Amino acid sequence: MSSAASEAPSACHRVGRAATWAGLVLIASLFGPDARAARTDVIVLENGDAVTGEIKQLDRGILRYKTDSAGTLNVEWEEVLSIESLDSFEVETLSGGRFFGSLAELERDAPSVTIVGADRTADLYLENIVRINPIKRTFFKRIDGSLSLGFDFTKASDVSKLNFGFNADYRALKFVTGLSISSNITTQPEQPTTSRQDVTYYFERFRLHRWFTRWSGNLQSNSETGVELRAQTSWLGGRYIAQTNHSLLSAGGGLAVSREVGGGQEQDQSNLDLVLTTDYQFFEFKYPKRDLSFSLFVYPS
């Protein structure tokens, strides 16, 4: 047995195991038994078709709509004439206004909807709406996530690879938070086991007039680059400067603090960085389809 195999597990492997167990614990809440949601929402399209299903989300000009017979449909928002649902939603407009309540059909000179809230109602033109997100009544139904697990073994070289990925997002009225975990472990004869682990948590709070604040924490390890453990936490404040169903422009700034532990003490280092970021997206789903994204991150230390 090689000396590398007989040594105690490194911090890199400990982070990997902890990340994997954390993901498995959360899987039960996402994929456990749950009553099937009643699909009673109704949308009417430009061609006159009325489709019954479940509104999943409106974002980037596309309405995700789940049906029993046709699965999940991606409907261009401009093709929707009316929409109605008894469930609760967060509806955001071009100007950044946020409304909460059920959706009722409204007859007007242009496609419209009435947001029926607990304390107020609002009549909105559909063309002025840029986002719709369901607000579920229970904790577990507010979680949206995915899981991936893969194993690959090559007999000729005795090389095996284990990949694990998990992410979950929880959305409430005034904030969204999420956790993502990824792990990659490779073993091969007469070579030390290599692994890469990443755990990220974030919390974003929605503010008035398209402002937002975001806090995130990240743990990383990578045996190939000699990073035994890297921890970073950051705070960012920003604003969606412009948002439509075809484009999105945002900018922000904040601070990031990180600590990196390498294979030797001389490699350890701490950093305090200023974070400046801007992001622009353009999306057009009619022919010819176009999807352009540009992001800039600057970290003056």
C-alpha atoms as a PDB file:
ATOM      1  CA  MET A   1       0.000   0.000   0.000  1.00  0.00           C
ATOM      2  CA  SER A   2       1.394   3.390  -0.941  1.00  0.00           C
ATOM      3  CA  SER A   3       2.085   5.998   1.709  1.00  0.00           C
ATOM      4  CA  ALA A   4      -0.530   8.298   0.143  1.00  0.00           C
ATOM      5  CA  ALA A   5      -3.227   5.662   0.636  1.00  0.00           C
ATOM      6  CA  SER A   6      -2.294   5.082   4.284  1.00  0.00           C
ATOM      7  CA  GLU A   7      -2.414   8.726   5.310  1.00  0.00           C
ATOM      8  CA  ALA A   8      -5.401  10.214   7.136  1.00  0.00           C
ATOM      9  CA  PRO A   9      -7.983  11.829   4.840  1.00  0.00           C
ATOM     10  CA  SER A  10      -6.968  15.347   3.813  1.00  0.00           C
ATOM     11  CA  ALA A  11      -9.142  18.404   4.251  1.00  0.00           C
ATOM     12  CA  CYS A  12      -9.930  18.108   0.546  1.00  0.00           C
ATOM     13  CA  HIS A  13     -11.544  14.684   1.091  1.00  0.00           C
ATOM     14  CA  ARG A  14     -13.272  15.777   4.290  1.00  0.00           C
ATOM     15  CA  VAL A  15     -14.905  18.677   2.471  1.00  0.00           C
ATOM     16  CA  GLY A  16     -15.977  16.277  -0.285  1.00  0.00           C
ATOM     17  CA  ARG A  17     -17.612  13.833   2.112  1.00  0.00           C
ATOM     18  CA  ALA A  18     -19.323  16.611   4.045  1.00  0.00           C
ATOM     19  CA  ALA A  19     -20.626  18.137   0.820  1.00  0.00           C
ATOM     20  CA  THR A  20     -21.949  14.806  -0.408  1.00  0.00           C
ATOM     21  CA  TRP A  21     -23.729  14.021   2.863  1.00  0.00           C
ATOM     22  CA  ALA A  22     -25.258  17.512   2.988  1.00  0.00           C
ATOM     23  CA  GLY A  23     -26.658  17.001  -0.500  1.00  0.00           C
ATOM     24  CA  LEU A  24     -28.074  13.580   0.321  1.00  0.00           C
ATOM     25  CA  VAL A  25     -29.786  14.947   3.425  1.00  0.00           C
ATOM     26  CA  LEU A  26     -31.501  17.633   1.348  1.00  0.00           C
ATOM     27  CA  ILE A  27     -32.534  15.215  -1.396  1.00  0.00           C
ATOM     28  CA  ALA A  28     -35.273  13.773   0.787  1.00  0.00           C
ATOM     29  CA  SER A  29     -36.996  17.153   0.972  1.00  0.00           C
ATOM     30  CA  LEU A  30     -36.893  17.580  -2.808  1.00  0.00           C
ATOM     31  CA  PHE A  31     -37.623  14.125  -4.107  1.00  0.00           C
ATOM     32  CA  GLY A  32     -39.569  12.549  -1.269  1.00  0.00           C
ATOM     33  CA  PRO A  33     -43.274  11.692  -1.487  1.00  0.00           C
ATOM     34  CA  ASP A  34     -45.439  14.730  -2.159  1.00  0.00           C
ATOM     35  CA  ALA A  35     -48.967  15.241  -3.284  1.00  0.00           C
ATOM     36  CA  ARG A  36     -49.239  16.093  -6.935  1.00  0.00           C
ATOM     37  CA  ALA A  37     -50.110  19.745  -7.471  1.00  0.00           C
ATOM     38  CA  ALA A  38     -53.454  20.368  -9.118  1.00  0.00           C
ATOM     39  CA  ARG A  39     -52.943  21.901 -12.557  1.00  0.00           C
ATOM     40  CA  THR A  40     -55.835  24.349 -12.757  1.00  0.00           C
ATOM     41  CA  ASP A  41     -54.133  27.465 -14.164  1.00  0.00           C
ATOM     42  CA  VAL A  42     -55.393  28.609 -17.570  1.00  0.00           C
ATOM     43  CA  ILE A  43     -53.653  30.587 -20.302  1.00  0.00           C
ATOM     44  CA  VAL A  44     -55.155  31.656 -23.618  1.00  0.00           C
ATOM     45  CA  LEU A  45     -52.808  32.015 -26.587  1.00  0.00           C
ATOM     46  CA  GLU A  46     -52.972  34.305 -29.601  1.00  0.00           C
ATOM     47  CA  ASN A  47     -54.384  31.505 -31.766  1.00  0.00           C
ATOM     48  CA  GLY A  48     -57.326  31.147 -29.355  1.00  0.00           C
ATOM     49  CA  ASP A  49     -56.178  27.915 -27.694  1.00  0.00           C
ATOM     50  CA  ALA A  50     -56.878  27.672 -23.962  1.00  0.00           C
ATOM     51  CA  VAL A  51     -54.324  25.500 -22.129  1.00  0.00           C
ATOM     52  CA  THR A  52     -54.816  24.173 -18.594  1.00  0.00           C
ATOM     53  CA  GLY A  53     -51.722  23.487 -16.530  1.00  0.00           C
ATOM     54  CA  GLU A  54     -49.455  24.919 -13.843  1.00  0.00           C
ATOM     55  CA  ILE A  55     -47.531  28.193 -14.060  1.00  0.00           C
ATOM     56  CA  LYS A  56     -43.897  27.498 -13.145  1.00  0.00           C
ATOM     57  CA  GLN A  57     -42.179  30.798 -13.958  1.00  0.00           C
ATOM     58  CA  LEU A  58     -41.981  33.781 -16.291  1.00  0.00           C
ATOM     59  CA  ASP A  59     -38.435  34.969 -16.941  1.00  0.00           C
ATOM     60  CA  ARG A  60     -36.483  36.303 -19.930  1.00  0.00           C
ATOM     61  CA  GLY A  61     -39.689  36.561 -21.987  1.00  0.00           C
ATOM     62  CA  ILE A  62     -40.512  32.850 -21.651  1.00  0.00           C
ATOM     63  CA  LEU A  63     -43.390  31.405 -19.614  1.00  0.00           C
ATOM     64  CA  ARG A  64     -42.666  27.901 -18.300  1.00  0.00           C
ATOM     65  CA  TYR A  65     -45.995  26.093 -18.131  1.00  0.00           C
ATOM     66  CA  LYS A  66     -46.412  22.488 -16.969  1.00  0.00           C
ATOM     67  CA  THR A  67     -49.229  20.375 -18.426  1.00  0.00           C
ATOM     68  CA  ASP A  68     -50.363  16.803 -17.829  1.00  0.00           C
ATOM     69  CA  SER A  69     -50.442  15.762 -21.491  1.00  0.00           C
ATOM     70  CA  ALA A  70     -47.605  17.743 -23.100  1.00  0.00           C
ATOM     71  CA  GLY A  71     -45.113  18.081 -20.253  1.00  0.00           C
ATOM     72  CA  THR A  72     -43.495  21.465 -19.611  1.00  0.00           C
ATOM     73  CA  LEU A  73     -44.030  24.039 -22.352  1.00  0.00           C
ATOM     74  CA  ASN A  74     -41.926  27.123 -23.023  1.00  0.00           C
ATOM     75  CA  VAL A  75     -44.366  29.776 -24.232  1.00  0.00           C
ATOM     76  CA  GLU A  76     -43.280  33.169 -25.536  1.00  0.00           C
ATOM     77  CA  TRP A  77     -44.857  35.771 -23.265  1.00  0.00           C
ATOM     78  CA  GLU A  78     -45.903  37.872 -26.267  1.00  0.00           C
ATOM     79  CA  GLU A  79     -48.099  34.965 -27.441  1.00  0.00           C
ATOM     80  CA  VAL A  80     -50.204  34.981 -24.231  1.00  0.00           C
ATOM     81  CA  LEU A  81     -53.543  36.825 -24.392  1.00  0.00           C
ATOM     82  CA  SER A  82     -54.800  36.060 -20.874  1.00  0.00           C
ATOM     83  CA  ILE A  83     -53.700  34.225 -17.756  1.00  0.00           C
ATOM     84  CA  GLU A  84     -55.507  33.186 -14.578  1.00  0.00           C
ATOM     85  CA  SER A  85     -54.758  31.161 -11.456  1.00  0.00           C
ATOM     86  CA  LEU A  86     -56.024  30.833  -7.886  1.00  0.00           C
ATOM     87  CA  ASP A  87     -52.498  30.253  -6.552  1.00  0.00           C
ATOM     88  CA  SER A  88     -50.268  33.014  -5.144  1.00  0.00           C
ATOM     89  CA  PHE A  89     -47.553  34.637  -7.255  1.00  0.00           C
ATOM     90  CA  GLU A  90     -44.979  37.386  -7.146  1.00  0.00           C
ATOM     91  CA  VAL A  91     -45.398  39.591 -10.228  1.00  0.00           C
ATOM     92  CA  GLU A  92     -42.715  42.122 -11.190  1.00  0.00           C
ATOM     93  CA  THR A  93     -43.128  44.925 -13.716  1.00  0.00           C
ATOM     94  CA  LEU A  94     -40.784  46.861 -16.003  1.00  0.00           C
ATOM     95  CA  SER A  95     -40.447  49.657 -13.441  1.00  0.00           C
ATOM     96  CA  GLY A  96     -39.553  47.235 -10.625  1.00  0.00           C
ATOM     97  CA  GLY A  97     -42.972  47.208  -8.940  1.00  0.00           C
ATOM     98  CA  ARG A  98     -43.800  43.971  -7.100  1.00  0.00           C
ATOM     99  CA  PHE A  99     -47.312  42.630  -6.588  1.00  0.00           C
ATOM    100  CA  PHE A 100     -48.420  39.527  -4.711  1.00  0.00           C
ATOM    101  CA  GLY A 101     -51.629  37.560  -5.158  1.00  0.00           C
ATOM    102  CA  SER A 102     -53.678  35.359  -7.458  1.00  0.00           C
ATOM    103  CA  LEU A 103     -54.176  36.062 -11.173  1.00  0.00           C
ATOM    104  CA  ALA A 104     -57.601  36.946 -12.566  1.00  0.00           C
ATOM    105  CA  GLU A 105     -58.536  37.498 -16.197  1.00  0.00           C
ATOM    106  CA  LEU A 106     -59.180  41.133 -17.098  1.00  0.00           C
ATOM    107  CA  GLU A 107     -60.911  42.369 -20.253  1.00  0.00           C
ATOM    108  CA  ARG A 108     -59.173  45.489 -21.519  1.00  0.00           C
ATOM    109  CA  ASP A 109     -58.063  47.130 -24.748  1.00  0.00           C
ATOM    110  CA  ALA A 110     -54.830  45.082 -24.546  1.00  0.00           C
ATOM    111  CA  PRO A 111     -53.979  41.742 -22.858  1.00  0.00           C
ATOM    112  CA  SER A 112     -54.175  42.351 -19.090  1.00  0.00           C
ATOM    113  CA  VAL A 113     -54.436  40.645 -15.707  1.00  0.00           C
ATOM    114  CA  THR A 114     -55.684  41.579 -12.257  1.00  0.00           C
ATOM    115  CA  ILE A 115     -53.436  40.742  -9.300  1.00  0.00           C
ATOM    116  CA  VAL A 116     -55.724  39.945  -6.362  1.00  0.00           C
ATOM    117  CA  GLY A 117     -53.755  40.354  -3.138  1.00  0.00           C
ATOM    118  CA  ALA A 118     -54.672  40.143   0.519  1.00  0.00           C
ATOM    119  CA  ASP A 119     -54.618  43.920   0.972  1.00  0.00           C
ATOM    120  CA  ARG A 120     -54.836  45.354  -2.541  1.00  0.00           C
ATOM    121  CA  THR A 121     -55.522  44.584  -6.199  1.00  0.00           C
ATOM    122  CA  ALA A 122     -53.711  45.849  -9.277  1.00  0.00           C
ATOM    123  CA  ASP A 123     -54.588  45.850 -12.976  1.00  0.00           C
ATOM    124  CA  LEU A 124     -51.555  45.302 -15.193  1.00  0.00           C
ATOM    125  CA  TYR A 125     -50.962  45.056 -18.927  1.00  0.00           C
ATOM    126  CA  LEU A 126     -49.204  41.779 -19.749  1.00  0.00           C
ATOM    127  CA  GLU A 127     -46.605  43.633 -21.838  1.00  0.00           C
ATOM    128  CA  ASN A 128     -45.472  45.467 -18.673  1.00  0.00           C
ATOM    129  CA  ILE A 129     -44.802  42.241 -16.733  1.00  0.00           C
ATOM    130  CA  VAL A 130     -41.257  40.845 -16.813  1.00  0.00           C
ATOM    131  CA  ARG A 131     -41.288  38.171 -14.083  1.00  0.00           C
ATOM    132  CA  ILE A 132     -43.796  35.827 -12.458  1.00  0.00           C
ATOM    133  CA  ASN A 133     -42.763  33.444  -9.683  1.00  0.00           C
ATOM    134  CA  PRO A 134     -45.058  31.109  -7.730  1.00  0.00           C
ATOM    135  CA  ILE A 135     -45.218  31.617  -3.973  1.00  0.00           C
ATOM    136  CA  LYS A 136     -46.007  28.205  -2.497  1.00  0.00           C
ATOM    137  CA  ARG A 137     -47.857  27.819   0.784  1.00  0.00           C
ATOM    138  CA  THR A 138     -45.535  25.275   2.440  1.00  0.00           C
ATOM    139  CA  PHE A 139     -41.781  25.280   3.036  1.00  0.00           C
ATOM    140  CA  PHE A 140     -40.890  22.207   0.986  1.00  0.00           C
ATOM    141  CA  LYS A 141     -43.005  23.225  -2.010  1.00  0.00           C
ATOM    142  CA  ARG A 142     -41.005  26.453  -2.229  1.00  0.00           C
ATOM    143  CA  ILE A 143     -37.834  24.485  -2.917  1.00  0.00           C
ATOM    144  CA  ASP A 144     -36.741  23.892  -6.498  1.00  0.00           C
ATOM    145  CA  GLY A 145     -33.662  21.764  -7.105  1.00  0.00           C
ATOM    146  CA  SER A 146     -31.833  19.096  -9.064  1.00  0.00           C
ATOM    147  CA  LEU A 147     -29.497  16.174  -8.424  1.00  0.00           C
ATOM    148  CA  SER A 148     -26.888  14.430 -10.562  1.00  0.00           C
ATOM    149  CA  LEU A 149     -24.765  11.394  -9.711  1.00  0.00           C
ATOM    150  CA  GLY A 150     -22.383   9.584 -12.026  1.00  0.00           C
ATOM    151  CA  PHE A 151     -19.716   6.880 -11.871  1.00  0.00           C
ATOM    152  CA  ASP A 152     -17.314   5.929 -14.655  1.00  0.00           C
ATOM    153  CA  PHE A 153     -14.785   3.071 -14.632  1.00  0.00           C
ATOM    154  CA  THR A 154     -12.294   2.226 -17.379  1.00  0.00           C
ATOM    155  CA  LYS A 155     -11.092  -1.367 -16.999  1.00  0.00           C
ATOM    156  CA  ALA A 156      -8.122  -1.015 -19.350  1.00  0.00           C
ATOM    157  CA  SER A 157      -6.533   1.697 -17.198  1.00  0.00           C
ATOM    158  CA  ASP A 158      -8.269   0.997 -13.858  1.00  0.00           C
ATOM    159  CA  VAL A 159      -9.299   4.649 -13.700  1.00  0.00           C
ATOM    160  CA  SER A 160     -12.542   5.441 -11.885  1.00  0.00           C
ATOM    161  CA  LYS A 161     -14.386   8.753 -11.609  1.00  0.00           C
ATOM    162  CA  LEU A 162     -17.196   9.722  -9.251  1.00  0.00           C
ATOM    163  CA  ASN A 163     -19.221  12.872  -9.908  1.00  0.00           C
ATOM    164  CA  PHE A 164     -21.898  14.358  -7.678  1.00  0.00           C
ATOM    165  CA  GLY A 165     -23.918  17.540  -8.174  1.00  0.00           C
ATOM    166  CA  PHE A 166     -26.746  19.084  -6.200  1.00  0.00           C
ATOM    167  CA  ASN A 167     -28.480  22.452  -6.143  1.00  0.00           C
ATOM    168  CA  ALA A 168     -31.599  23.792  -4.444  1.00  0.00           C
ATOM    169  CA  ASP A 169     -33.233  27.214  -4.358  1.00  0.00           C
ATOM    170  CA  TYR A 170     -35.840  28.453  -1.890  1.00  0.00           C
ATOM    171  CA  ARG A 171     -37.980  31.428  -2.860  1.00  0.00           C
ATOM    172  CA  ALA A 172     -40.044  33.521  -0.451  1.00  0.00           C
ATOM    173  CA  LEU A 173     -41.903  36.805  -0.822  1.00  0.00           C
ATOM    174  CA  LYS A 174     -38.915  39.093  -0.279  1.00  0.00           C
ATOM    175  CA  PHE A 175     -35.855  36.921  -0.788  1.00  0.00           C
ATOM    176  CA  VAL A 176     -34.372  33.915  -2.538  1.00  0.00           C
ATOM    177  CA  THR A 177     -31.677  31.639  -1.116  1.00  0.00           C
ATOM    178  CA  GLY A 178     -29.871  28.618  -2.462  1.00  0.00           C
ATOM    179  CA  LEU A 179     -27.244  25.929  -1.969  1.00  0.00           C
ATOM    180  CA  SER A 180     -25.128  24.177  -4.599  1.00  0.00           C
ATOM    181  CA  ILE A 181     -22.693  21.296  -4.111  1.00  0.00           C
ATOM    182  CA  SER A 182     -20.359  19.642  -6.608  1.00  0.00           C
ATOM    183  CA  SER A 183     -17.793  16.892  -6.108  1.00  0.00           C
ATOM    184  CA  ASN A 184     -15.421  15.141  -8.511  1.00  0.00           C
ATOM    185  CA  ILE A 185     -13.118  12.316  -7.349  1.00  0.00           C
ATOM    186  CA  THR A 186     -10.690  10.416  -9.606  1.00  0.00           C
ATOM    187  CA  THR A 187      -8.654   7.346  -8.629  1.00  0.00           C
ATOM    188  CA  GLN A 188      -5.999   5.574 -10.689  1.00  0.00           C
ATOM    189  CA  PRO A 189      -3.235   3.008 -10.022  1.00  0.00           C
ATOM    190  CA  GLU A 190       0.065   4.210  -8.534  1.00  0.00           C
ATOM    191  CA  GLN A 191      -1.219   7.779  -8.420  1.00  0.00           C
ATOM    192  CA  PRO A 192      -2.694   9.769  -5.534  1.00  0.00           C
ATOM    193  CA  THR A 193      -6.433  10.249  -5.586  1.00  0.00           C
ATOM    194  CA  THR A 194      -7.418  13.648  -6.976  1.00  0.00           C
ATOM    195  CA  SER A 195     -10.565  15.510  -6.054  1.00  0.00           C
ATOM    196  CA  ARG A 196     -12.327  18.826  -6.575  1.00  0.00           C
ATOM    197  CA  GLN A 197     -15.084  20.017  -4.244  1.00  0.00           C
ATOM    198  CA  ASP A 198     -17.250  23.129  -4.246  1.00  0.00           C
ATOM    199  CA  VAL A 199     -19.966  24.248  -1.839  1.00  0.00           C
ATOM    200  CA  THR A 200     -21.748  27.585  -2.358  1.00  0.00           C
ATOM    201  CA  TYR A 201     -24.540  29.239  -0.407  1.00  0.00           C
ATOM    202  CA  TYR A 202     -26.210  32.553  -1.248  1.00  0.00           C
ATOM    203  CA  PHE A 203     -28.954  34.800   0.074  1.00  0.00           C
ATOM    204  CA  GLU A 204     -30.451  37.568  -2.063  1.00  0.00           C
ATOM    205  CA  ARG A 205     -32.981  40.065  -0.772  1.00  0.00           C
ATOM    206  CA  PHE A 206     -35.205  42.093  -3.070  1.00  0.00           C
ATOM    207  CA  ARG A 207     -35.365  45.819  -2.392  1.00  0.00           C
ATOM    208  CA  LEU A 208     -37.577  48.617  -3.687  1.00  0.00           C
ATOM    209  CA  HIS A 209     -37.078  50.191  -7.123  1.00  0.00           C
ATOM    210  CA  ARG A 210     -35.117  47.241  -8.574  1.00  0.00           C
ATOM    211  CA  TRP A 211     -32.395  47.324  -5.894  1.00  0.00           C
ATOM    212  CA  PHE A 212     -31.052  44.115  -4.348  1.00  0.00           C
ATOM    213  CA  THR A 213     -28.497  42.931  -1.794  1.00  0.00           C
ATOM    214  CA  ARG A 214     -26.709  39.587  -1.933  1.00  0.00           C
ATOM    215  CA  TRP A 215     -24.535  37.652   0.499  1.00  0.00           C
ATOM    216  CA  SER A 216     -22.692  34.486  -0.475  1.00  0.00           C
ATOM    217  CA  GLY A 217     -20.268  32.000   1.068  1.00  0.00           C
ATOM    218  CA  ASN A 218     -18.091  29.503  -0.763  1.00  0.00           C
ATOM    219  CA  LEU A 219     -15.840  26.573   0.213  1.00  0.00           C
ATOM    220  CA  GLN A 220     -13.515  25.004  -2.351  1.00  0.00           C
ATOM    221  CA  SER A 221     -10.779  22.406  -2.426  1.00  0.00           C
ATOM    222  CA  ASN A 222      -8.708  21.125  -5.333  1.00  0.00           C
ATOM    223  CA  SER A 223      -5.951  18.575  -4.846  1.00  0.00           C
ATOM    224  CA  GLU A 224      -4.664  19.089  -8.408  1.00  0.00           C
ATOM    225  CA  THR A 225      -3.786  22.744  -7.781  1.00  0.00           C
ATOM    226  CA  GLY A 226      -2.658  22.176  -4.195  1.00  0.00           C
ATOM    227  CA  VAL A 227      -5.505  24.144  -2.642  1.00  0.00           C
ATOM    228  CA  GLU A 228      -6.429  22.222   0.489  1.00  0.00           C
ATOM    229  CA  LEU A 229      -9.199  24.629   1.436  1.00  0.00           C
ATOM    230  CA  ARG A 230     -10.339  28.008   0.160  1.00  0.00           C
ATOM    231  CA  ALA A 231     -13.100  29.923   1.962  1.00  0.00           C
ATOM    232  CA  GLN A 232     -14.679  33.122   0.691  1.00  0.00           C
ATOM    233  CA  THR A 233     -17.539  35.303   1.824  1.00  0.00           C
ATOM    234  CA  SER A 234     -18.834  38.341  -0.029  1.00  0.00           C
ATOM    235  CA  TRP A 235     -21.489  41.020   0.217  1.00  0.00           C
ATOM    236  CA  LEU A 236     -22.850  42.769  -2.838  1.00  0.00           C
ATOM    237  CA  GLY A 237     -25.386  45.524  -3.403  1.00  0.00           C
ATOM    238  CA  GLY A 238     -26.737  46.410  -6.818  1.00  0.00           C
ATOM    239  CA  ARG A 239     -29.591  47.435  -9.030  1.00  0.00           C
ATOM    240  CA  TYR A 240     -31.336  46.210 -12.142  1.00  0.00           C
ATOM    241  CA  ILE A 241     -30.835  49.357 -14.199  1.00  0.00           C
ATOM    242  CA  ALA A 242     -33.091  48.214 -17.018  1.00  0.00           C
ATOM    243  CA  GLN A 243     -35.247  45.128 -17.454  1.00  0.00           C
ATOM    244  CA  THR A 244     -37.614  44.115 -20.226  1.00  0.00           C
ATOM    245  CA  ASN A 245     -38.775  40.863 -21.797  1.00  0.00           C
ATOM    246  CA  HIS A 246     -35.857  41.151 -24.231  1.00  0.00           C
ATOM    247  CA  SER A 247     -32.956  42.575 -22.215  1.00  0.00           C
ATOM    248  CA  LEU A 248     -31.551  42.933 -18.720  1.00  0.00           C
ATOM    249  CA  LEU A 249     -28.855  45.284 -17.424  1.00  0.00           C
ATOM    250  CA  SER A 250     -27.585  45.210 -13.836  1.00  0.00           C
ATOM    251  CA  ALA A 251     -24.614  46.612 -11.907  1.00  0.00           C
ATOM    252  CA  GLY A 252     -23.334  46.278  -8.365  1.00  0.00           C
ATOM    253  CA  GLY A 253     -20.424  46.473  -5.981  1.00  0.00           C
ATOM    254  CA  GLY A 254     -19.300  45.159  -2.614  1.00  0.00           C
ATOM    255  CA  LEU A 255     -16.552  43.425  -0.647  1.00  0.00           C
ATOM    256  CA  ALA A 256     -15.119  39.894  -0.628  1.00  0.00           C
ATOM    257  CA  VAL A 257     -12.947  38.275   2.048  1.00  0.00           C
ATOM    258  CA  SER A 258     -11.111  35.022   1.338  1.00  0.00           C
ATOM    259  CA  ARG A 259      -8.683  32.653   3.081  1.00  0.00           C
ATOM    260  CA  GLU A 260      -6.704  30.033   1.168  1.00  0.00           C
ATOM    261  CA  VAL A 261      -4.824  27.126   2.757  1.00  0.00           C
ATOM    262  CA  GLY A 262      -2.346  25.264   0.547  1.00  0.00           C
ATOM    263  CA  GLY A 263      -0.163  22.217   0.996  1.00  0.00           C
ATOM    264  CA  GLY A 264       2.357  24.180   3.075  1.00  0.00           C
ATOM    265  CA  GLN A 265       2.062  27.014   5.571  1.00  0.00           C
ATOM    266  CA  GLU A 266       4.028  29.320   3.286  1.00  0.00           C
ATOM    267  CA  GLN A 267       1.245  29.073   0.717  1.00  0.00           C
ATOM    268  CA  ASP A 268      -1.499  30.258   3.061  1.00  0.00           C
ATOM    269  CA  GLN A 269      -2.912  33.657   2.245  1.00  0.00           C
ATOM    270  CA  SER A 270      -5.810  35.973   3.042  1.00  0.00           C
ATOM    271  CA  ASN A 271      -7.339  38.574   0.738  1.00  0.00           C
ATOM    272  CA  LEU A 272      -9.718  41.515   1.015  1.00  0.00           C
ATOM    273  CA  ASP A 273     -11.102  42.536  -2.371  1.00  0.00           C
ATOM    274  CA  LEU A 274     -13.417  45.189  -3.684  1.00  0.00           C
ATOM    275  CA  VAL A 275     -15.967  43.618  -6.042  1.00  0.00           C
ATOM    276  CA  LEU A 276     -17.358  45.531  -9.026  1.00  0.00           C
ATOM    277  CA  THR A 277     -19.682  43.805 -11.458  1.00  0.00           C
ATOM    278  CA  THR A 278     -21.971  44.514 -14.375  1.00  0.00           C
ATOM    279  CA  ASP A 279     -24.100  42.165 -16.425  1.00  0.00           C
ATOM    280  CA  TYR A 280     -25.975  42.631 -19.701  1.00  0.00           C
ATOM    281  CA  GLN A 281     -28.250  40.095 -21.373  1.00  0.00           C
ATOM    282  CA  PHE A 282     -30.182  40.285 -24.629  1.00  0.00           C
ATOM    283  CA  PHE A 283     -32.612  37.544 -25.635  1.00  0.00           C
ATOM    284  CA  GLU A 284     -34.934  37.256 -28.621  1.00  0.00           C
ATOM    285  CA  PHE A 285     -36.720  33.963 -29.204  1.00  0.00           C
ATOM    286  CA  LYS A 286     -38.490  34.773 -32.445  1.00  0.00           C
ATOM    287  CA  TYR A 287     -36.670  33.944 -35.686  1.00  0.00           C
ATOM    288  CA  PRO A 288     -33.799  34.597 -35.895  1.00  0.00           C
ATOM    289  CA  LYS A 289     -33.236  33.576 -32.276  1.00  0.00           C
ATOM    290  CA  ARG A 290     -30.565  35.540 -30.413  1.00  0.00           C
ATOM    291  CA  ASP A 291     -29.202  35.126 -26.902  1.00  0.00           C
ATOM    292  CA  LEU A 292     -26.300  37.344 -25.860  1.00  0.00           C
ATOM    293  CA  SER A 293     -24.770  37.610 -22.385  1.00  0.00           C
ATOM    294  CA  PHE A 294     -21.927  39.817 -21.194  1.00  0.00           C
ATOM    295  CA  SER A 295     -20.566  39.856 -17.639  1.00  0.00           C
ATOM    296  CA  LEU A 296     -17.663  41.796 -16.126  1.00  0.00           C
ATOM    297  CA  PHE A 297     -16.177  41.193 -12.680  1.00  0.00           C
ATOM    298  CA  VAL A 298     -13.357  43.321 -11.264  1.00  0.00           C
ATOM    299  CA  TYR A 299     -11.589  42.477  -7.969  1.00  0.00           C
ATOM    300  CA  PRO A 300      -9.223  45.304  -6.897  1.00  0.00           C
ATOM    301  CA  SER A 301      -7.235  43.975  -3.903  1.00  0.00           C
END
